[in-house]
Amino acid sequence: MEFTIGAVANALLVVVNVMDYYKRLSFCPSNIILASLGLTRFGFQCVVIISYFLNLLVPGTVKQEHINKPMTAIWMFFNFSSLWCATWLCVHYCVKIANFTNVAFSFLKLRFSKLLPFLLLASLLVSLAFSLPFMMDINVIFGNGTSAFSLNNTPSAFPNTHFSSWTLFCTLGSSVPFLLFWLAAALLITSLRRHVRRMKGSHLGGFRNPSLKAHCKAWETMIVFFLFYASFVTTVNVSASVTVKQGNWYYCMCAVVASAYPSLHSVSLILCNSKLRETALRALPCATTASRPGEPQVSSITP
């Protein structure tokens, strides 16, 4: 169910933004990031569901080294890439909405659109660099004979290896984008909170003010975005730091949280964006294309 929801949501992110490019023949930063984010998350979920069905239909297949190596490397690549794309999305919201007088922030605000293609390319190369070790020597990476695709983990099949290598690569690969995400989210939430306080203290601070509602909604959305992101990174790193066995409560919790993040967050992005929301409604068989009267348009503020 999580895969189906996530696949539809992420495919919608890609299709809508690519179609928007063909209409305007130019990509805006949000189009590039959302399309990249949807594509990497879709790939991430596809690898997970393929490994699940392989292990379900042909038990033990995924544990074979010639299958485990490439699937684990591909899974890690999509994992790191989706984290980087989510980070650049948060940075984009930060430079677009937040207001600071810092020189470095002002420079990034002016140059971010031009730098974005190079930042995405660099992120893909970094993700590839951290994923290749899983392809080259899985025995060194998975010291306890376990992997991301071993649904029935057993005691060590490789007694001369070290399980800490898996933890090291997972932590290093996700720590840099997480720190950048945390910094951008903190700056944006601080700026929005300060602006909301200023509006409430002025004559424009009525609670029914559409602009104030839009800023409050953007503030709440960014907090949810941060919680989604942090829970996913924490879950993946925690599951990598211990011997996760099938049937344990923390195995089930980690599996649910890790699978829910790329699905639920993409759904929230669609619901918070008027263009994506209208496209999703038109795609539903029983939905009407008529918009509700009096609905505030906050897409320019809300991430």
Protein backbone atom coordinates (compact mmCIF):
# COMPACT_ATOMS: atom_id res chain seq x y z
CA MET A 1 0.00 0.00 0.00
CA GLU A 2 2.82 2.40 0.83
CA PHE A 3 4.54 1.56 -2.44
CA THR A 4 1.37 2.13 -4.47
CA ILE A 5 0.67 5.51 -2.87
CA GLY A 6 4.29 6.58 -3.17
CA ALA A 7 4.65 5.38 -6.76
CA VAL A 8 1.57 7.32 -7.86
CA ALA A 9 2.57 10.46 -5.95
CA ASN A 10 6.18 10.47 -7.14
CA ALA A 11 5.22 9.66 -10.72
CA LEU A 12 2.82 12.59 -10.57
CA LEU A 13 5.63 14.87 -9.39
CA VAL A 14 7.75 13.85 -12.37
CA VAL A 15 5.01 13.98 -15.02
CA VAL A 16 3.53 17.33 -13.99
CA ASN A 17 6.88 19.09 -13.83
CA VAL A 18 8.12 17.60 -17.10
CA MET A 19 4.87 18.61 -18.83
CA ASP A 20 5.27 22.10 -17.40
CA TYR A 21 8.73 22.22 -18.98
CA TYR A 22 7.36 21.31 -22.40
CA LYS A 23 4.70 24.01 -22.08
CA ARG A 24 7.12 26.76 -21.12
CA LEU A 25 10.32 25.25 -22.61
CA SER A 26 12.16 26.26 -19.47
CA PHE A 27 12.63 24.74 -16.04
CA CYS A 28 12.20 26.84 -12.94
CA PRO A 29 14.16 25.68 -9.87
CA SER A 30 11.14 24.11 -8.19
CA ASN A 31 10.35 22.12 -11.37
CA ILE A 32 13.87 20.72 -11.54
CA ILE A 33 14.00 19.77 -7.87
CA LEU A 34 10.50 18.26 -7.69
CA ALA A 35 11.04 16.22 -10.85
CA SER A 36 14.41 14.96 -9.56
CA LEU A 37 12.94 14.24 -6.14
CA GLY A 38 10.03 12.28 -7.59
CA LEU A 39 12.32 10.31 -9.90
CA THR A 40 14.80 9.32 -7.19
CA ARG A 41 12.06 8.37 -4.74
CA PHE A 42 10.27 6.36 -7.40
CA GLY A 43 13.51 4.47 -8.10
CA PHE A 44 14.09 3.95 -4.37
CA GLN A 45 10.64 2.43 -3.89
CA CYS A 46 10.91 0.28 -7.03
CA VAL A 47 14.14 -1.33 -5.84
CA VAL A 48 12.60 -2.02 -2.43
CA ILE A 49 9.42 -3.58 -3.84
CA ILE A 50 11.37 -5.65 -6.40
CA SER A 51 13.59 -7.05 -3.65
CA TYR A 52 10.52 -7.81 -1.55
CA PHE A 53 8.76 -9.77 -4.28
CA LEU A 54 11.97 -11.58 -5.25
CA ASN A 55 12.44 -12.71 -1.68
CA LEU A 56 8.75 -13.63 -1.42
CA LEU A 57 8.51 -15.60 -4.67
CA VAL A 58 12.03 -17.04 -4.76
CA PRO A 59 13.32 -17.17 -1.16
CA GLY A 60 17.05 -16.69 -0.86
CA THR A 61 17.48 -15.07 -4.27
CA VAL A 62 18.18 -11.61 -2.91
CA LYS A 63 20.88 -13.00 -0.61
CA GLN A 64 22.90 -14.28 -3.55
CA GLU A 65 25.96 -12.09 -3.92
CA HIS A 66 25.62 -11.41 -7.66
CA ILE A 67 22.09 -10.06 -7.02
CA ASN A 68 22.64 -8.53 -3.59
CA LYS A 69 25.58 -6.38 -4.68
CA PRO A 70 23.96 -4.41 -7.51
CA MET A 71 20.58 -4.11 -5.79
CA THR A 72 22.13 -2.81 -2.59
CA ALA A 73 24.29 -0.32 -4.51
CA ILE A 74 21.30 0.90 -6.53
CA TRP A 75 19.16 1.16 -3.39
CA MET A 76 21.84 3.22 -1.63
CA PHE A 77 22.26 5.47 -4.68
CA PHE A 78 18.55 6.29 -4.82
CA ASN A 79 18.49 6.70 -1.04
CA PHE A 80 21.32 9.24 -0.98
CA SER A 81 20.07 10.99 -4.13
CA SER A 82 16.56 11.44 -2.74
CA LEU A 83 18.02 12.89 0.47
CA TRP A 84 20.07 15.38 -1.53
CA CYS A 85 17.06 16.38 -3.66
CA ALA A 86 14.95 16.93 -0.54
CA THR A 87 17.79 19.02 0.88
CA TRP A 88 17.96 21.25 -2.22
CA LEU A 89 14.19 21.61 -2.11
CA CYS A 90 14.43 22.91 1.44
CA VAL A 91 17.31 25.23 0.45
CA HIS A 92 15.19 26.50 -2.45
CA TYR A 93 12.31 27.31 -0.11
CA CYS A 94 14.75 29.00 2.27
CA VAL A 95 16.35 31.32 -0.30
CA LYS A 96 12.95 32.06 -1.86
CA ILE A 97 11.01 32.88 1.31
CA ALA A 98 13.44 33.72 4.12
CA ASN A 99 14.86 37.23 4.56
CA PHE A 100 18.31 37.69 6.06
CA THR A 101 20.91 40.42 5.56
CA ASN A 102 23.87 38.04 5.65
CA VAL A 103 26.21 38.47 2.66
CA ALA A 104 26.55 34.74 2.01
CA PHE A 105 22.78 34.26 2.16
CA SER A 106 22.20 37.18 -0.21
CA PHE A 107 24.72 35.74 -2.68
CA LEU A 108 23.06 32.32 -2.56
CA LYS A 109 19.62 33.91 -2.95
CA LEU A 110 20.71 35.63 -6.17
CA ARG A 111 22.73 32.75 -7.64
CA PHE A 112 20.82 29.68 -6.50
CA SER A 113 18.83 29.24 -9.73
CA LYS A 114 22.01 29.24 -11.83
CA LEU A 115 23.90 27.01 -9.40
CA LEU A 116 21.09 24.47 -9.03
CA PRO A 117 21.93 22.22 -12.06
CA PHE A 118 25.55 21.97 -10.90
CA LEU A 119 24.47 21.29 -7.32
CA LEU A 120 22.17 18.47 -8.45
CA LEU A 121 24.90 16.98 -10.64
CA ALA A 122 27.40 17.17 -7.78
CA SER A 123 24.85 15.51 -5.49
CA LEU A 124 24.40 12.62 -7.92
CA LEU A 125 28.16 12.15 -8.14
CA VAL A 126 28.51 12.18 -4.35
CA SER A 127 25.65 9.68 -4.03
CA LEU A 128 27.32 7.46 -6.61
CA ALA A 129 30.64 7.67 -4.79
CA PHE A 130 29.07 6.51 -1.52
CA SER A 131 27.11 3.76 -3.29
CA LEU A 132 29.95 2.17 -5.26
CA PRO A 133 31.60 0.52 -2.20
CA PHE A 134 28.43 -1.56 -1.75
CA MET A 135 28.89 -2.82 -5.29
CA MET A 136 32.62 -3.52 -5.10
CA ASP A 137 32.84 -5.58 -1.93
CA ILE A 138 29.64 -6.35 -0.08
CA ASN A 139 31.51 -8.65 2.32
CA VAL A 140 33.32 -5.68 3.77
CA ILE A 141 30.18 -3.59 3.99
CA PHE A 142 27.86 -6.12 5.61
CA GLY A 143 29.90 -7.63 8.40
CA ASN A 144 27.09 -9.70 9.94
CA GLY A 145 25.97 -11.15 6.64
CA THR A 146 22.97 -8.85 6.55
CA SER A 147 21.87 -6.25 4.05
CA ALA A 148 19.05 -3.89 3.29
CA PHE A 149 17.33 -6.64 1.30
CA SER A 150 17.78 -9.59 3.64
CA LEU A 151 14.28 -9.99 5.01
CA ASN A 152 15.35 -12.99 7.04
CA ASN A 153 18.66 -11.91 8.57
CA THR A 154 20.83 -14.69 9.99
CA PRO A 155 24.07 -14.84 11.98
CA SER A 156 27.26 -13.82 10.22
CA ALA A 157 27.90 -15.50 6.89
CA PHE A 158 31.18 -13.63 6.57
CA PRO A 159 33.07 -14.13 9.85
CA ASN A 160 36.10 -12.06 8.81
CA THR A 161 34.20 -8.87 8.05
CA HIS A 162 33.03 -5.86 10.05
CA PHE A 163 29.44 -4.76 10.32
CA SER A 164 30.55 -1.23 11.27
CA SER A 165 31.44 -0.55 7.62
CA TRP A 166 27.73 -0.54 6.72
CA THR A 167 27.04 1.95 9.51
CA LEU A 168 29.96 4.15 8.46
CA PHE A 169 28.90 4.49 4.82
CA CYS A 170 25.23 5.05 5.71
CA THR A 171 26.11 7.72 8.25
CA LEU A 172 28.63 9.51 6.04
CA GLY A 173 26.37 9.41 3.01
CA SER A 174 23.39 10.92 4.83
CA SER A 175 25.05 13.25 7.35
CA VAL A 176 26.10 16.02 4.93
CA PRO A 177 22.69 16.46 3.23
CA PHE A 178 20.99 16.19 6.63
CA LEU A 179 23.15 18.95 8.11
CA LEU A 180 22.47 21.21 5.12
CA PHE A 181 18.77 20.41 5.36
CA TRP A 182 18.73 21.14 9.08
CA LEU A 183 20.46 24.51 8.56
CA ALA A 184 18.12 25.58 5.75
CA ALA A 185 15.01 24.42 7.64
CA ALA A 186 16.11 26.20 10.81
CA LEU A 187 16.72 29.46 8.93
CA LEU A 188 13.41 29.25 7.11
CA ILE A 189 11.36 28.37 10.20
CA THR A 190 13.05 31.17 12.14
CA SER A 191 12.36 33.69 9.38
CA LEU A 192 8.72 32.62 9.03
CA ARG A 193 8.18 32.67 12.79
CA ARG A 194 9.69 36.14 13.04
CA HIS A 195 7.56 37.40 10.15
CA VAL A 196 4.37 35.92 11.64
CA ARG A 197 5.09 37.61 14.97
CA ARG A 198 5.66 40.93 13.18
CA MET A 199 2.39 40.59 11.29
CA LYS A 200 0.45 39.72 14.44
CA GLY A 201 1.88 42.75 16.18
CA SER A 202 0.92 45.12 13.36
CA HIS A 203 -2.46 46.26 12.07
CA LEU A 204 -2.22 43.44 9.49
CA GLY A 205 -2.17 40.80 12.20
CA GLY A 206 -5.79 39.70 12.11
CA PHE A 207 -6.13 35.95 12.36
CA ARG A 208 -8.35 35.95 9.28
CA ASN A 209 -5.70 37.68 7.17
CA PRO A 210 -5.01 35.37 4.15
CA SER A 211 -1.33 36.35 4.09
CA LEU A 212 -0.92 35.50 7.77
CA LYS A 213 -2.67 32.16 7.22
CA ALA A 214 -0.36 31.42 4.30
CA HIS A 215 2.76 32.12 6.35
CA CYS A 216 1.49 30.04 9.27
CA LYS A 217 0.72 27.18 6.88
CA ALA A 218 4.19 27.44 5.36
CA TRP A 219 5.69 27.38 8.86
CA GLU A 220 3.72 24.24 9.80
CA THR A 221 4.57 22.60 6.47
CA MET A 222 8.29 23.11 6.97
CA ILE A 223 8.12 21.64 10.47
CA VAL A 224 6.37 18.55 9.08
CA PHE A 225 8.93 18.38 6.27
CA PHE A 226 11.75 18.44 8.83
CA LEU A 227 10.11 15.75 10.98
CA PHE A 228 9.63 13.48 7.94
CA TYR A 229 13.23 13.95 6.85
CA ALA A 230 14.76 13.52 10.30
CA SER A 231 12.70 10.41 11.07
CA PHE A 232 13.78 8.75 7.82
CA VAL A 233 17.50 9.50 8.27
CA THR A 234 17.39 8.42 11.92
CA THR A 235 15.53 5.21 11.10
CA VAL A 236 17.94 4.19 8.34
CA ASN A 237 21.03 4.93 10.45
CA VAL A 238 19.64 3.20 13.54
CA SER A 239 18.72 0.11 11.55
CA ALA A 240 22.24 0.11 10.12
CA SER A 241 23.86 0.29 13.54
CA VAL A 242 22.28 -2.87 14.96
CA THR A 243 21.63 -6.42 13.79
CA VAL A 244 18.05 -6.10 12.63
CA LYS A 245 16.22 -9.41 12.65
CA GLN A 246 12.89 -10.10 11.07
CA GLY A 247 10.04 -10.26 13.58
CA ASN A 248 11.50 -7.79 16.08
CA TRP A 249 9.33 -4.78 16.82
CA TYR A 250 12.07 -2.33 15.83
CA TYR A 251 12.51 -4.14 12.50
CA CYS A 252 8.82 -3.62 11.70
CA MET A 253 8.92 -0.01 12.88
CA CYS A 254 12.03 0.79 10.82
CA ALA A 255 10.53 -0.83 7.73
CA VAL A 256 7.26 1.10 8.05
CA VAL A 257 8.93 4.48 8.71
CA ALA A 258 11.53 4.06 5.97
CA SER A 259 8.86 3.15 3.44
CA ALA A 260 6.41 5.82 4.58
CA TYR A 261 8.71 8.82 4.19
CA PRO A 262 9.06 8.86 0.36
CA SER A 263 5.33 8.22 0.06
CA LEU A 264 3.73 10.49 2.63
CA HIS A 265 6.02 13.45 2.07
CA SER A 266 5.41 13.37 -1.68
CA VAL A 267 1.67 13.28 -0.99
CA SER A 268 2.02 16.29 1.32
CA LEU A 269 3.96 18.16 -1.39
CA ILE A 270 1.10 17.55 -3.81
CA LEU A 271 -1.55 18.66 -1.33
CA CYS A 272 0.34 21.87 -0.51
CA ASN A 273 0.90 22.85 -4.15
CA SER A 274 -2.19 24.14 -5.96
CA LYS A 275 -1.00 23.07 -9.44
CA LEU A 276 -0.08 19.56 -8.34
CA ARG A 277 -3.25 19.26 -6.26
CA GLU A 278 -5.49 20.21 -9.17
CA THR A 279 -3.69 17.76 -11.46
CA ALA A 280 -4.10 14.99 -8.89
CA LEU A 281 -7.82 15.76 -8.57
CA ARG A 282 -8.27 15.63 -12.34
CA ALA A 283 -6.49 12.28 -12.39
CA LEU A 284 -8.92 10.77 -9.87
CA PRO A 285 -11.88 9.03 -11.56
CA CYS A 286 -14.51 10.45 -9.21
CA ALA A 287 -13.00 13.90 -8.65
CA THR A 288 -14.38 17.12 -10.02
CA THR A 289 -12.18 19.68 -11.70
CA ALA A 290 -14.11 22.59 -10.25
CA SER A 291 -12.21 24.38 -7.52
CA ARG A 292 -13.96 25.27 -4.30
CA PRO A 293 -15.06 28.91 -4.10
CA GLY A 294 -13.24 31.07 -1.62
CA GLU A 295 -10.26 28.72 -1.29
CA PRO A 296 -7.13 30.81 -0.54
CA GLN A 297 -4.33 30.51 -3.06
CA VAL A 298 -1.13 30.12 -1.05
CA SER A 299 1.04 28.22 -3.52
CA SER A 300 3.47 31.14 -3.79
CA ILE A 301 4.16 30.97 -0.07
CA THR A 302 3.52 27.39 0.94
CA PRO A 303 6.29 24.90 0.02
